Amino acid sequence: MPIDKEAVAATGAQASPAGLRNVHLITSGDTFKTLYWDRETAGMRPNLVFVDQTGAVVFESNEVGLKGDPLDPQRKLAIVWGDSVVFSSGRGWPCLLDRFAPGYQFLNGGLDGDLYPNILRRADALNRSHSVALNLLMLGWHPFVLPTKEPPPASRLGLWGNAPRRDGCASQGNRNLRSDLTAFLAGDECRGRDDANGAQFPDHRPRPVVLY
């Protein structure tokens, strides 16, 4: 719906910093992705609102960088992870699943052109910081590598061709899919490692996951 700026100003209410949003006019092409893509985190920037030329809200990102509404503590959290198929247009389709699962909030964890190692990395990070009742994984086809008997080149890097994997190993397309996915499903991708603050990651536990 259009944003009524006069009505908002008339209230005279002071907005909480935690509730502030960055508003952008939606664009087309690669320029659009630069508005929501955070190179440092390789994910979506949180607290964004995209509007069209009429001022109508097209979609938003919430406080944890997922496409959709703010986290609802009254419902169980379910996240659909993937690439552009999940990201889709407008608000996207994951939020439509709410009506089929009362008591669950489905949020959109898709990103255009995202590689599967980064999809799993983002999902792993959020599962460690929040209680996620259900993960729906749609890993897409990025990057697809034909089977080969040749050993992968040691110099090849992973995400977007300029970032190593979190475990220090080079990502070789989908050659690591089985081990990467198994680690995520078991919830032990980071077991035995320290986080950025030097704290030990908690013991692993199996993740509730549905694969598509």
N, C-alpha and C. Protein backbone atom coordinates (compact mmCIF):
# COMPACT_ATOMS: atom_id res chain seq x y z
N MET A 1 0.85 -1.18 0.00
CA MET A 1 0.00 0.00 0.00
C MET A 1 0.89 1.24 0.00
N PRO A 2 0.41 2.37 -0.52
CA PRO A 2 1.22 3.58 -0.56
C PRO A 2 1.56 4.07 0.84
N ILE A 3 2.73 4.69 0.98
CA ILE A 3 3.16 5.22 2.27
C ILE A 3 2.58 6.61 2.46
N ASP A 4 1.78 6.81 3.49
CA ASP A 4 1.17 8.11 3.76
C ASP A 4 2.11 8.89 4.66
N LYS A 5 3.00 9.69 4.05
CA LYS A 5 4.01 10.42 4.80
C LYS A 5 3.37 11.46 5.72
N GLU A 6 2.29 12.12 5.27
CA GLU A 6 1.66 13.14 6.09
C GLU A 6 1.04 12.53 7.34
N ALA A 7 0.46 11.32 7.19
CA ALA A 7 -0.16 10.66 8.34
C ALA A 7 0.90 10.26 9.35
N VAL A 8 2.03 9.81 8.85
CA VAL A 8 3.12 9.42 9.75
C VAL A 8 3.65 10.63 10.51
N ALA A 9 3.84 11.73 9.79
CA ALA A 9 4.37 12.94 10.43
C ALA A 9 3.40 13.51 11.44
N ALA A 10 2.11 13.35 11.17
CA ALA A 10 1.09 13.92 12.04
C ALA A 10 1.05 13.25 13.40
N THR A 11 1.48 12.02 13.49
CA THR A 11 1.45 11.31 14.76
C THR A 11 2.44 11.89 15.75
N GLY A 12 3.55 12.46 15.23
CA GLY A 12 4.56 13.03 16.10
C GLY A 12 5.31 12.01 16.92
N ALA A 13 5.14 10.73 16.59
CA ALA A 13 5.78 9.67 17.34
C ALA A 13 7.27 9.59 16.99
N GLN A 14 8.06 9.25 18.01
CA GLN A 14 9.49 9.06 17.81
C GLN A 14 9.76 7.59 17.48
N ALA A 15 10.41 7.36 16.37
CA ALA A 15 10.68 5.98 15.97
C ALA A 15 11.84 5.40 16.76
N SER A 16 11.70 4.14 17.14
CA SER A 16 12.79 3.45 17.81
C SER A 16 13.88 3.13 16.80
N PRO A 17 15.16 3.30 17.16
CA PRO A 17 16.25 2.98 16.22
C PRO A 17 16.16 1.56 15.70
N ALA A 18 15.69 0.63 16.55
CA ALA A 18 15.58 -0.77 16.13
C ALA A 18 14.53 -0.96 15.05
N GLY A 19 13.58 -0.01 14.97
CA GLY A 19 12.51 -0.14 13.99
C GLY A 19 12.74 0.65 12.72
N LEU A 20 13.86 1.34 12.61
CA LEU A 20 14.13 2.15 11.43
C LEU A 20 14.45 1.27 10.22
N ARG A 21 14.08 1.74 9.04
CA ARG A 21 14.31 1.00 7.80
C ARG A 21 14.94 1.92 6.77
N ASN A 22 15.79 1.37 5.93
CA ASN A 22 16.31 2.11 4.77
C ASN A 22 15.38 1.85 3.60
N VAL A 23 14.87 2.92 3.01
CA VAL A 23 13.90 2.80 1.92
C VAL A 23 14.59 3.07 0.59
N HIS A 24 14.38 2.18 -0.39
CA HIS A 24 14.97 2.33 -1.72
C HIS A 24 13.88 2.21 -2.78
N LEU A 25 14.06 2.96 -3.85
CA LEU A 25 13.22 2.81 -5.01
C LEU A 25 13.70 1.59 -5.79
N ILE A 26 12.82 0.67 -6.06
CA ILE A 26 13.22 -0.56 -6.72
C ILE A 26 13.68 -0.27 -8.15
N THR A 27 14.74 -0.94 -8.58
CA THR A 27 15.29 -0.75 -9.91
C THR A 27 15.35 -2.09 -10.62
N SER A 28 15.87 -2.09 -11.82
CA SER A 28 15.99 -3.32 -12.59
C SER A 28 17.47 -3.61 -12.85
N GLY A 29 17.75 -4.87 -13.20
CA GLY A 29 19.11 -5.24 -13.56
C GLY A 29 20.03 -5.39 -12.36
N ASP A 30 21.33 -5.36 -12.64
CA ASP A 30 22.34 -5.57 -11.60
C ASP A 30 22.33 -4.48 -10.54
N THR A 31 21.87 -3.28 -10.92
CA THR A 31 21.83 -2.18 -9.95
C THR A 31 20.96 -2.53 -8.76
N PHE A 32 19.90 -3.26 -9.01
CA PHE A 32 18.98 -3.63 -7.95
C PHE A 32 19.68 -4.49 -6.89
N LYS A 33 20.46 -5.47 -7.32
CA LYS A 33 21.11 -6.36 -6.37
C LYS A 33 22.12 -5.63 -5.50
N THR A 34 22.76 -4.62 -6.04
CA THR A 34 23.75 -3.88 -5.25
C THR A 34 23.10 -3.16 -4.07
N LEU A 35 21.79 -2.92 -4.15
CA LEU A 35 21.11 -2.23 -3.07
C LEU A 35 20.88 -3.13 -1.86
N TYR A 36 20.69 -4.43 -2.10
CA TYR A 36 20.42 -5.31 -0.96
C TYR A 36 21.55 -6.28 -0.66
N TRP A 37 22.54 -6.43 -1.55
CA TRP A 37 23.61 -7.39 -1.36
C TRP A 37 24.72 -6.80 -0.50
N ASP A 38 25.08 -7.52 0.56
CA ASP A 38 26.15 -7.10 1.46
C ASP A 38 27.37 -7.98 1.19
N ARG A 39 28.41 -7.39 0.60
CA ARG A 39 29.59 -8.17 0.23
C ARG A 39 30.31 -8.73 1.46
N GLU A 40 30.27 -8.01 2.56
CA GLU A 40 30.98 -8.47 3.75
C GLU A 40 30.37 -9.71 4.36
N THR A 41 29.06 -9.79 4.34
CA THR A 41 28.37 -10.95 4.92
C THR A 41 27.91 -11.94 3.87
N ALA A 42 28.05 -11.58 2.58
CA ALA A 42 27.57 -12.42 1.48
C ALA A 42 26.10 -12.79 1.69
N GLY A 43 25.33 -11.80 2.09
CA GLY A 43 23.91 -12.01 2.32
C GLY A 43 23.13 -10.73 2.10
N MET A 44 21.87 -10.77 2.46
CA MET A 44 21.02 -9.60 2.29
C MET A 44 21.17 -8.64 3.46
N ARG A 45 21.21 -7.36 3.15
CA ARG A 45 21.25 -6.35 4.21
C ARG A 45 19.92 -6.35 4.95
N PRO A 46 19.96 -6.21 6.26
CA PRO A 46 18.70 -6.20 7.03
C PRO A 46 18.02 -4.85 6.98
N ASN A 47 16.76 -4.86 7.38
CA ASN A 47 15.97 -3.63 7.58
C ASN A 47 15.90 -2.74 6.35
N LEU A 48 15.54 -3.35 5.21
CA LEU A 48 15.36 -2.60 3.97
C LEU A 48 13.90 -2.63 3.55
N VAL A 49 13.49 -1.56 2.89
CA VAL A 49 12.16 -1.49 2.29
C VAL A 49 12.32 -1.04 0.85
N PHE A 50 11.77 -1.81 -0.09
CA PHE A 50 11.82 -1.44 -1.50
C PHE A 50 10.42 -1.04 -1.96
N VAL A 51 10.34 0.13 -2.58
CA VAL A 51 9.06 0.65 -3.04
C VAL A 51 9.12 0.91 -4.55
N ASP A 52 7.93 0.93 -5.15
CA ASP A 52 7.89 1.27 -6.57
C ASP A 52 7.67 2.77 -6.73
N GLN A 53 7.45 3.21 -7.95
CA GLN A 53 7.34 4.65 -8.21
C GLN A 53 6.10 5.28 -7.61
N THR A 54 5.12 4.47 -7.22
CA THR A 54 3.92 5.01 -6.58
C THR A 54 4.07 5.08 -5.07
N GLY A 55 5.17 4.52 -4.54
CA GLY A 55 5.36 4.49 -3.09
C GLY A 55 4.86 3.22 -2.45
N ALA A 56 4.30 2.31 -3.26
CA ALA A 56 3.81 1.04 -2.72
C ALA A 56 4.99 0.14 -2.37
N VAL A 57 4.90 -0.55 -1.23
CA VAL A 57 5.96 -1.45 -0.80
C VAL A 57 5.96 -2.71 -1.67
N VAL A 58 7.11 -3.01 -2.27
CA VAL A 58 7.26 -4.21 -3.09
C VAL A 58 7.69 -5.39 -2.24
N PHE A 59 8.73 -5.18 -1.42
CA PHE A 59 9.13 -6.19 -0.44
C PHE A 59 10.05 -5.54 0.58
N GLU A 60 10.28 -6.27 1.68
CA GLU A 60 11.13 -5.80 2.77
C GLU A 60 12.08 -6.90 3.20
N SER A 61 13.18 -6.48 3.82
CA SER A 61 14.03 -7.44 4.53
C SER A 61 13.90 -7.14 6.02
N ASN A 62 13.91 -8.19 6.83
CA ASN A 62 13.68 -7.98 8.26
C ASN A 62 14.99 -7.80 9.03
N GLU A 63 14.91 -7.89 10.34
CA GLU A 63 16.06 -7.58 11.18
C GLU A 63 17.19 -8.60 11.08
N VAL A 64 16.92 -9.77 10.54
CA VAL A 64 17.98 -10.77 10.40
C VAL A 64 18.39 -10.98 8.94
N GLY A 65 17.95 -10.07 8.07
CA GLY A 65 18.36 -10.14 6.68
C GLY A 65 17.64 -11.18 5.86
N LEU A 66 16.40 -11.48 6.21
CA LEU A 66 15.58 -12.38 5.42
C LEU A 66 14.47 -11.58 4.75
N LYS A 67 14.08 -12.00 3.59
CA LYS A 67 13.00 -11.33 2.86
C LYS A 67 11.68 -11.68 3.52
N GLY A 68 10.99 -10.66 4.03
CA GLY A 68 9.72 -10.92 4.69
C GLY A 68 9.51 -10.03 5.89
N ASP A 69 8.50 -10.39 6.68
CA ASP A 69 8.12 -9.60 7.85
C ASP A 69 9.11 -9.79 9.00
N PRO A 70 9.05 -8.92 10.00
CA PRO A 70 9.89 -9.11 11.20
C PRO A 70 9.59 -10.46 11.85
N LEU A 71 10.57 -10.98 12.59
CA LEU A 71 10.38 -12.25 13.26
C LEU A 71 9.18 -12.18 14.21
N ASP A 72 8.37 -13.22 14.17
CA ASP A 72 7.19 -13.28 15.01
C ASP A 72 7.44 -14.28 16.15
N PRO A 73 7.66 -13.81 17.37
CA PRO A 73 7.96 -14.72 18.48
C PRO A 73 6.80 -15.63 18.85
N GLN A 74 5.61 -15.32 18.36
CA GLN A 74 4.44 -16.14 18.66
C GLN A 74 4.31 -17.34 17.73
N ARG A 75 5.15 -17.40 16.70
CA ARG A 75 5.09 -18.52 15.75
C ARG A 75 6.45 -19.19 15.61
N LYS A 76 6.44 -20.45 15.21
CA LYS A 76 7.68 -21.16 14.95
C LYS A 76 8.28 -20.65 13.64
N LEU A 77 9.61 -20.56 13.61
CA LEU A 77 10.30 -20.00 12.46
C LEU A 77 10.62 -21.08 11.43
N ALA A 78 10.20 -20.86 10.20
CA ALA A 78 10.52 -21.74 9.08
C ALA A 78 11.13 -20.88 7.97
N ILE A 79 12.22 -21.35 7.39
CA ILE A 79 12.93 -20.56 6.38
C ILE A 79 13.13 -21.39 5.12
N VAL A 80 12.81 -20.79 3.98
CA VAL A 80 13.08 -21.41 2.68
C VAL A 80 14.38 -20.83 2.16
N TRP A 81 15.40 -21.68 1.98
CA TRP A 81 16.72 -21.24 1.53
C TRP A 81 16.93 -21.59 0.07
N GLY A 82 17.59 -20.70 -0.68
CA GLY A 82 17.86 -21.02 -2.07
C GLY A 82 18.40 -19.84 -2.84
N ASP A 83 18.27 -19.93 -4.17
CA ASP A 83 18.76 -18.87 -5.06
C ASP A 83 17.59 -18.05 -5.57
N SER A 84 17.63 -17.64 -6.83
CA SER A 84 16.59 -16.77 -7.38
C SER A 84 15.22 -17.43 -7.43
N VAL A 85 15.19 -18.77 -7.52
CA VAL A 85 13.90 -19.47 -7.53
C VAL A 85 13.14 -19.21 -6.23
N VAL A 86 13.86 -19.13 -5.14
CA VAL A 86 13.25 -18.84 -3.84
C VAL A 86 13.04 -17.34 -3.67
N PHE A 87 14.06 -16.55 -4.03
CA PHE A 87 13.96 -15.09 -3.89
C PHE A 87 12.75 -14.56 -4.63
N SER A 88 12.57 -14.99 -5.88
CA SER A 88 11.42 -14.65 -6.72
C SER A 88 11.16 -13.15 -6.76
N SER A 89 9.98 -12.74 -7.19
CA SER A 89 9.67 -11.33 -7.36
C SER A 89 8.71 -10.86 -6.28
N GLY A 90 8.69 -9.56 -6.05
CA GLY A 90 7.81 -9.01 -5.03
C GLY A 90 8.13 -9.61 -3.67
N ARG A 91 7.09 -9.89 -2.91
CA ARG A 91 7.28 -10.51 -1.59
C ARG A 91 7.75 -11.95 -1.72
N GLY A 92 7.60 -12.53 -2.90
CA GLY A 92 8.00 -13.92 -3.09
C GLY A 92 6.92 -14.89 -2.67
N TRP A 93 7.17 -16.19 -2.91
CA TRP A 93 6.17 -17.20 -2.60
C TRP A 93 6.30 -17.88 -1.24
N PRO A 94 7.48 -17.88 -0.58
CA PRO A 94 7.56 -18.57 0.72
C PRO A 94 6.54 -18.11 1.75
N CYS A 95 6.23 -16.81 1.77
CA CYS A 95 5.26 -16.31 2.75
C CYS A 95 3.86 -16.89 2.53
N LEU A 96 3.59 -17.38 1.32
CA LEU A 96 2.28 -17.97 1.03
C LEU A 96 2.08 -19.30 1.74
N LEU A 97 3.18 -19.90 2.22
CA LEU A 97 3.08 -21.17 2.92
C LEU A 97 2.48 -21.02 4.31
N ASP A 98 2.43 -19.79 4.82
CA ASP A 98 1.88 -19.56 6.16
C ASP A 98 0.47 -20.13 6.29
N ARG A 99 -0.32 -19.98 5.26
CA ARG A 99 -1.72 -20.39 5.35
C ARG A 99 -1.88 -21.91 5.44
N PHE A 100 -0.85 -22.64 5.00
CA PHE A 100 -0.93 -24.10 5.03
C PHE A 100 -0.35 -24.70 6.30
N ALA A 101 0.30 -23.88 7.12
CA ALA A 101 0.92 -24.37 8.36
C ALA A 101 0.67 -23.38 9.48
N PRO A 102 -0.51 -23.38 10.06
CA PRO A 102 -0.81 -22.46 11.15
C PRO A 102 0.20 -22.63 12.29
N GLY A 103 0.63 -21.52 12.84
CA GLY A 103 1.59 -21.56 13.92
C GLY A 103 3.03 -21.44 13.45
N TYR A 104 3.23 -21.40 12.12
CA TYR A 104 4.57 -21.25 11.55
C TYR A 104 4.66 -19.94 10.78
N GLN A 105 5.83 -19.31 10.83
CA GLN A 105 6.12 -18.14 10.01
C GLN A 105 7.18 -18.52 8.99
N PHE A 106 6.83 -18.47 7.71
CA PHE A 106 7.76 -18.81 6.64
C PHE A 106 8.41 -17.55 6.11
N LEU A 107 9.75 -17.52 6.14
CA LEU A 107 10.49 -16.39 5.63
C LEU A 107 11.36 -16.81 4.46
N ASN A 108 11.74 -15.82 3.66
CA ASN A 108 12.42 -16.06 2.39
C ASN A 108 13.93 -15.89 2.57
N GLY A 109 14.68 -17.00 2.43
CA GLY A 109 16.13 -16.96 2.53
C GLY A 109 16.81 -17.10 1.18
N GLY A 110 16.12 -16.71 0.11
CA GLY A 110 16.69 -16.80 -1.23
C GLY A 110 17.50 -15.58 -1.59
N LEU A 111 18.48 -15.78 -2.47
CA LEU A 111 19.27 -14.68 -3.03
C LEU A 111 19.56 -14.99 -4.49
N ASP A 112 19.41 -14.00 -5.35
CA ASP A 112 19.66 -14.18 -6.78
C ASP A 112 21.09 -14.68 -7.02
N GLY A 113 21.20 -15.79 -7.79
CA GLY A 113 22.50 -16.29 -8.20
C GLY A 113 23.37 -16.84 -7.09
N ASP A 114 22.79 -17.13 -5.93
CA ASP A 114 23.61 -17.58 -4.81
C ASP A 114 24.14 -18.99 -5.06
N LEU A 115 25.40 -19.21 -4.71
CA LEU A 115 26.00 -20.53 -4.84
C LEU A 115 25.60 -21.40 -3.67
N TYR A 116 25.51 -22.72 -3.92
CA TYR A 116 25.03 -23.58 -2.85
C TYR A 116 25.88 -23.54 -1.58
N PRO A 117 27.23 -23.40 -1.68
CA PRO A 117 28.00 -23.32 -0.43
C PRO A 117 27.60 -22.12 0.43
N ASN A 118 27.26 -21.01 -0.22
CA ASN A 118 26.85 -19.83 0.54
C ASN A 118 25.45 -19.98 1.08
N ILE A 119 24.58 -20.68 0.36
CA ILE A 119 23.24 -20.95 0.88
C ILE A 119 23.34 -21.73 2.19
N LEU A 120 24.18 -22.78 2.19
CA LEU A 120 24.37 -23.58 3.39
C LEU A 120 25.05 -22.77 4.50
N ARG A 121 25.99 -21.90 4.11
CA ARG A 121 26.68 -21.08 5.11
C ARG A 121 25.71 -20.14 5.80
N ARG A 122 24.85 -19.48 4.99
CA ARG A 122 23.89 -18.55 5.57
C ARG A 122 22.89 -19.27 6.47
N ALA A 123 22.45 -20.44 6.01
CA ALA A 123 21.50 -21.22 6.79
C ALA A 123 22.14 -21.68 8.10
N ASP A 124 23.39 -22.11 8.04
CA ASP A 124 24.09 -22.57 9.23
C ASP A 124 24.20 -21.44 10.25
N ALA A 125 24.56 -20.25 9.77
CA ALA A 125 24.74 -19.11 10.68
C ALA A 125 23.44 -18.75 11.39
N LEU A 126 22.34 -18.74 10.65
CA LEU A 126 21.08 -18.34 11.27
C LEU A 126 20.55 -19.43 12.21
N ASN A 127 20.82 -20.69 11.87
CA ASN A 127 20.39 -21.78 12.75
C ASN A 127 21.16 -21.76 14.06
N ARG A 128 22.36 -21.19 14.04
CA ARG A 128 23.14 -21.10 15.28
C ARG A 128 22.72 -19.91 16.13
N SER A 129 22.23 -18.86 15.50
CA SER A 129 21.87 -17.66 16.25
C SER A 129 20.39 -17.59 16.61
N HIS A 130 19.55 -18.38 15.95
CA HIS A 130 18.12 -18.36 16.21
C HIS A 130 17.56 -19.77 16.23
N SER A 131 16.43 -19.92 16.88
CA SER A 131 15.76 -21.21 16.92
C SER A 131 14.92 -21.36 15.66
N VAL A 132 15.36 -22.22 14.76
CA VAL A 132 14.67 -22.45 13.50
C VAL A 132 13.97 -23.81 13.56
N ALA A 133 12.65 -23.79 13.43
CA ALA A 133 11.88 -25.03 13.54
C ALA A 133 11.95 -25.86 12.28
N LEU A 134 12.15 -25.20 11.12
CA LEU A 134 12.15 -25.92 9.85
C LEU A 134 12.97 -25.18 8.81
N ASN A 135 13.86 -25.90 8.14
CA ASN A 135 14.62 -25.36 7.00
C ASN A 135 14.17 -26.08 5.74
N LEU A 136 13.76 -25.33 4.73
CA LEU A 136 13.45 -25.90 3.43
C LEU A 136 14.58 -25.50 2.49
N LEU A 137 15.35 -26.49 2.02
CA LEU A 137 16.52 -26.22 1.20
C LEU A 137 16.21 -26.46 -0.27
N MET A 138 16.40 -25.42 -1.07
CA MET A 138 16.31 -25.52 -2.52
C MET A 138 17.63 -24.97 -3.05
N LEU A 139 18.64 -25.83 -3.13
CA LEU A 139 20.01 -25.39 -3.38
C LEU A 139 20.27 -24.92 -4.80
N GLY A 140 19.33 -25.17 -5.71
CA GLY A 140 19.51 -24.69 -7.08
C GLY A 140 20.63 -25.42 -7.81
N TRP A 141 21.23 -24.76 -8.78
CA TRP A 141 22.25 -25.42 -9.61
C TRP A 141 23.55 -24.65 -9.66
N HIS A 142 23.70 -23.61 -8.85
CA HIS A 142 24.93 -22.83 -8.85
C HIS A 142 25.92 -23.40 -7.83
N PRO A 143 27.17 -23.65 -8.15
CA PRO A 143 27.69 -23.78 -9.51
C PRO A 143 27.65 -25.25 -9.93
N PHE A 144 27.35 -25.53 -11.18
CA PHE A 144 27.30 -26.90 -11.67
C PHE A 144 28.65 -27.26 -12.29
N VAL A 145 29.19 -28.39 -11.85
CA VAL A 145 30.47 -28.87 -12.36
C VAL A 145 30.29 -30.31 -12.83
N LEU A 146 30.65 -30.59 -14.07
CA LEU A 146 30.52 -31.94 -14.60
C LEU A 146 31.45 -32.89 -13.86
N PRO A 147 31.03 -34.15 -13.68
CA PRO A 147 31.90 -35.14 -13.01
C PRO A 147 33.22 -35.28 -13.76
N THR A 148 34.30 -35.42 -13.04
CA THR A 148 35.60 -35.60 -13.64
C THR A 148 36.47 -36.44 -12.72
N LYS A 149 37.42 -37.17 -13.32
CA LYS A 149 38.35 -37.96 -12.53
C LYS A 149 39.59 -37.16 -12.16
N GLU A 150 39.70 -35.97 -12.75
CA GLU A 150 40.84 -35.13 -12.46
C GLU A 150 40.70 -34.49 -11.08
N PRO A 151 41.77 -34.40 -10.29
CA PRO A 151 41.67 -33.72 -9.00
C PRO A 151 41.42 -32.24 -9.20
N PRO A 152 40.63 -31.62 -8.36
CA PRO A 152 40.34 -30.19 -8.50
C PRO A 152 41.58 -29.36 -8.30
N PRO A 153 41.73 -28.26 -9.05
CA PRO A 153 42.89 -27.38 -8.87
C PRO A 153 42.91 -26.77 -7.48
N ALA A 154 44.06 -26.82 -6.84
CA ALA A 154 44.17 -26.35 -5.45
C ALA A 154 43.99 -24.84 -5.33
N SER A 155 44.17 -24.12 -6.43
CA SER A 155 44.13 -22.66 -6.35
C SER A 155 42.74 -22.09 -6.50
N ARG A 156 41.78 -22.94 -6.89
CA ARG A 156 40.44 -22.41 -7.13
C ARG A 156 39.75 -22.06 -5.82
N LEU A 157 39.13 -20.89 -5.79
CA LEU A 157 38.44 -20.45 -4.60
C LEU A 157 36.95 -20.63 -4.76
N GLY A 158 36.25 -20.37 -3.67
CA GLY A 158 34.83 -20.67 -3.64
C GLY A 158 33.93 -19.51 -3.97
N LEU A 159 33.16 -19.08 -3.00
CA LEU A 159 32.07 -18.14 -3.20
C LEU A 159 32.41 -16.95 -4.07
N TRP A 160 31.69 -16.83 -5.19
CA TRP A 160 31.86 -15.74 -6.15
C TRP A 160 33.28 -15.66 -6.71
N GLY A 161 34.07 -16.74 -6.53
CA GLY A 161 35.41 -16.79 -7.09
C GLY A 161 36.43 -15.97 -6.32
N ASN A 162 36.06 -15.41 -5.16
CA ASN A 162 37.03 -14.57 -4.45
C ASN A 162 36.99 -14.76 -2.95
N ALA A 163 36.38 -15.85 -2.49
CA ALA A 163 36.33 -16.09 -1.05
C ALA A 163 36.50 -17.57 -0.74
N PRO A 164 37.40 -17.92 0.18
CA PRO A 164 37.58 -19.32 0.53
C PRO A 164 36.42 -19.84 1.35
N ARG A 165 36.31 -21.16 1.40
CA ARG A 165 35.30 -21.76 2.25
C ARG A 165 35.62 -21.48 3.70
N ARG A 166 34.61 -21.59 4.55
CA ARG A 166 34.78 -21.28 5.96
C ARG A 166 35.78 -22.21 6.63
N ASP A 167 35.94 -23.44 6.11
CA ASP A 167 36.87 -24.38 6.74
C ASP A 167 38.26 -24.27 6.16
N GLY A 168 38.49 -23.26 5.30
CA GLY A 168 39.81 -23.04 4.74
C GLY A 168 40.06 -23.83 3.48
N CYS A 169 39.15 -24.70 3.07
CA CYS A 169 39.32 -25.49 1.86
C CYS A 169 38.70 -24.76 0.68
N ALA A 170 39.22 -25.03 -0.50
CA ALA A 170 38.66 -24.41 -1.69
C ALA A 170 37.38 -25.13 -2.09
N SER A 171 36.37 -24.37 -2.51
CA SER A 171 35.12 -24.95 -2.97
C SER A 171 35.26 -25.32 -4.44
N GLN A 172 34.96 -26.56 -4.78
CA GLN A 172 35.11 -27.04 -6.15
C GLN A 172 33.74 -27.30 -6.76
N GLY A 173 32.99 -26.23 -6.97
CA GLY A 173 31.68 -26.38 -7.57
C GLY A 173 30.82 -27.29 -6.72
N ASN A 174 30.13 -28.23 -7.38
CA ASN A 174 29.28 -29.13 -6.63
C ASN A 174 29.98 -30.42 -6.22
N ARG A 175 31.30 -30.48 -6.35
CA ARG A 175 32.03 -31.69 -5.97
C ARG A 175 31.97 -31.92 -4.47
N ASN A 176 31.80 -30.85 -3.71
CA ASN A 176 31.75 -30.98 -2.26
C ASN A 176 30.32 -31.05 -1.72
N LEU A 177 29.34 -31.16 -2.60
CA LEU A 177 27.95 -31.09 -2.18
C LEU A 177 27.60 -32.14 -1.13
N ARG A 178 28.00 -33.38 -1.36
CA ARG A 178 27.63 -34.44 -0.43
C ARG A 178 28.16 -34.16 0.98
N SER A 179 29.45 -33.83 1.09
CA SER A 179 30.03 -33.60 2.41
C SER A 179 29.50 -32.31 3.03
N ASP A 180 29.33 -31.25 2.23
CA ASP A 180 28.82 -29.98 2.76
C ASP A 180 27.39 -30.14 3.27
N LEU A 181 26.56 -30.82 2.50
CA LEU A 181 25.17 -31.00 2.89
C LEU A 181 25.06 -31.92 4.10
N THR A 182 25.88 -32.97 4.13
CA THR A 182 25.86 -33.87 5.29
C THR A 182 26.24 -33.14 6.56
N ALA A 183 27.26 -32.28 6.47
CA ALA A 183 27.69 -31.51 7.64
C ALA A 183 26.58 -30.59 8.12
N PHE A 184 25.89 -29.94 7.18
CA PHE A 184 24.81 -29.04 7.58
C PHE A 184 23.65 -29.81 8.21
N LEU A 185 23.27 -30.93 7.61
CA LEU A 185 22.16 -31.71 8.13
C LEU A 185 22.45 -32.22 9.54
N ALA A 186 23.72 -32.58 9.78
CA ALA A 186 24.10 -33.08 11.10
C ALA A 186 24.25 -31.97 12.11
N GLY A 187 24.36 -30.73 11.61
CA GLY A 187 24.52 -29.60 12.50
C GLY A 187 25.90 -29.50 13.11
N ASP A 188 26.89 -30.15 12.48
CA ASP A 188 28.22 -30.13 13.08
C ASP A 188 29.24 -29.43 12.22
N GLU A 189 28.78 -28.51 11.34
CA GLU A 189 29.69 -27.82 10.45
C GLU A 189 30.74 -27.01 11.21
N CYS A 190 30.36 -26.49 12.37
CA CYS A 190 31.27 -25.62 13.11
C CYS A 190 31.70 -26.22 14.43
N ARG A 191 31.41 -27.51 14.66
CA ARG A 191 31.76 -28.12 15.93
C ARG A 191 33.26 -28.07 16.15
N GLY A 192 33.66 -27.69 17.34
CA GLY A 192 35.07 -27.66 17.67
C GLY A 192 35.78 -26.38 17.26
N ARG A 193 35.03 -25.42 16.69
CA ARG A 193 35.65 -24.17 16.28
C ARG A 193 35.17 -23.03 17.17
N ASP A 194 35.88 -21.93 17.14
CA ASP A 194 35.51 -20.75 17.91
C ASP A 194 34.86 -19.74 17.00
N ASP A 195 33.94 -18.96 17.56
CA ASP A 195 33.34 -17.90 16.77
C ASP A 195 34.24 -16.67 16.80
N ALA A 196 33.74 -15.57 16.22
CA ALA A 196 34.57 -14.37 16.10
C ALA A 196 34.96 -13.79 17.45
N ASN A 197 34.18 -14.10 18.48
CA ASN A 197 34.46 -13.57 19.81
C ASN A 197 35.26 -14.55 20.67
N GLY A 198 35.71 -15.65 20.08
CA GLY A 198 36.50 -16.62 20.82
C GLY A 198 35.68 -17.63 21.60
N ALA A 199 34.35 -17.55 21.50
CA ALA A 199 33.50 -18.49 22.23
C ALA A 199 33.33 -19.78 21.43
N GLN A 200 33.25 -20.89 22.15
CA GLN A 200 33.10 -22.18 21.49
C GLN A 200 31.68 -22.32 20.95
N PHE A 201 31.56 -22.83 19.72
CA PHE A 201 30.24 -23.09 19.19
C PHE A 201 29.57 -24.17 20.02
N PRO A 202 28.26 -24.12 20.20
CA PRO A 202 27.57 -25.14 20.99
C PRO A 202 27.63 -26.49 20.31
N ASP A 203 27.35 -27.54 21.10
CA ASP A 203 27.33 -28.89 20.53
C ASP A 203 26.36 -28.95 19.37
N HIS A 204 26.72 -29.75 18.39
CA HIS A 204 25.88 -29.84 17.20
C HIS A 204 24.61 -30.62 17.51
N ARG A 205 23.59 -30.35 16.72
CA ARG A 205 22.35 -31.12 16.80
C ARG A 205 21.78 -31.19 15.39
N PRO A 206 21.11 -32.30 15.06
CA PRO A 206 20.54 -32.43 13.72
C PRO A 206 19.56 -31.30 13.43
N ARG A 207 19.58 -30.79 12.20
CA ARG A 207 18.68 -29.70 11.81
C ARG A 207 17.40 -30.27 11.20
N PRO A 208 16.26 -29.66 11.51
CA PRO A 208 14.99 -30.05 10.86
C PRO A 208 14.99 -29.51 9.43
N VAL A 209 15.12 -30.39 8.45
CA VAL A 209 15.32 -29.96 7.07
C VAL A 209 14.41 -30.74 6.13
N VAL A 210 13.89 -30.04 5.12
CA VAL A 210 13.21 -30.66 4.00
C VAL A 210 13.96 -30.26 2.74
N LEU A 211 14.35 -31.22 1.91
CA LEU A 211 15.12 -30.94 0.69
C LEU A 211 14.20 -30.99 -0.52
N TYR A 212 14.44 -30.04 -1.46
CA TYR A 212 13.70 -30.02 -2.73
C TYR A 212 14.69 -29.97 -3.88
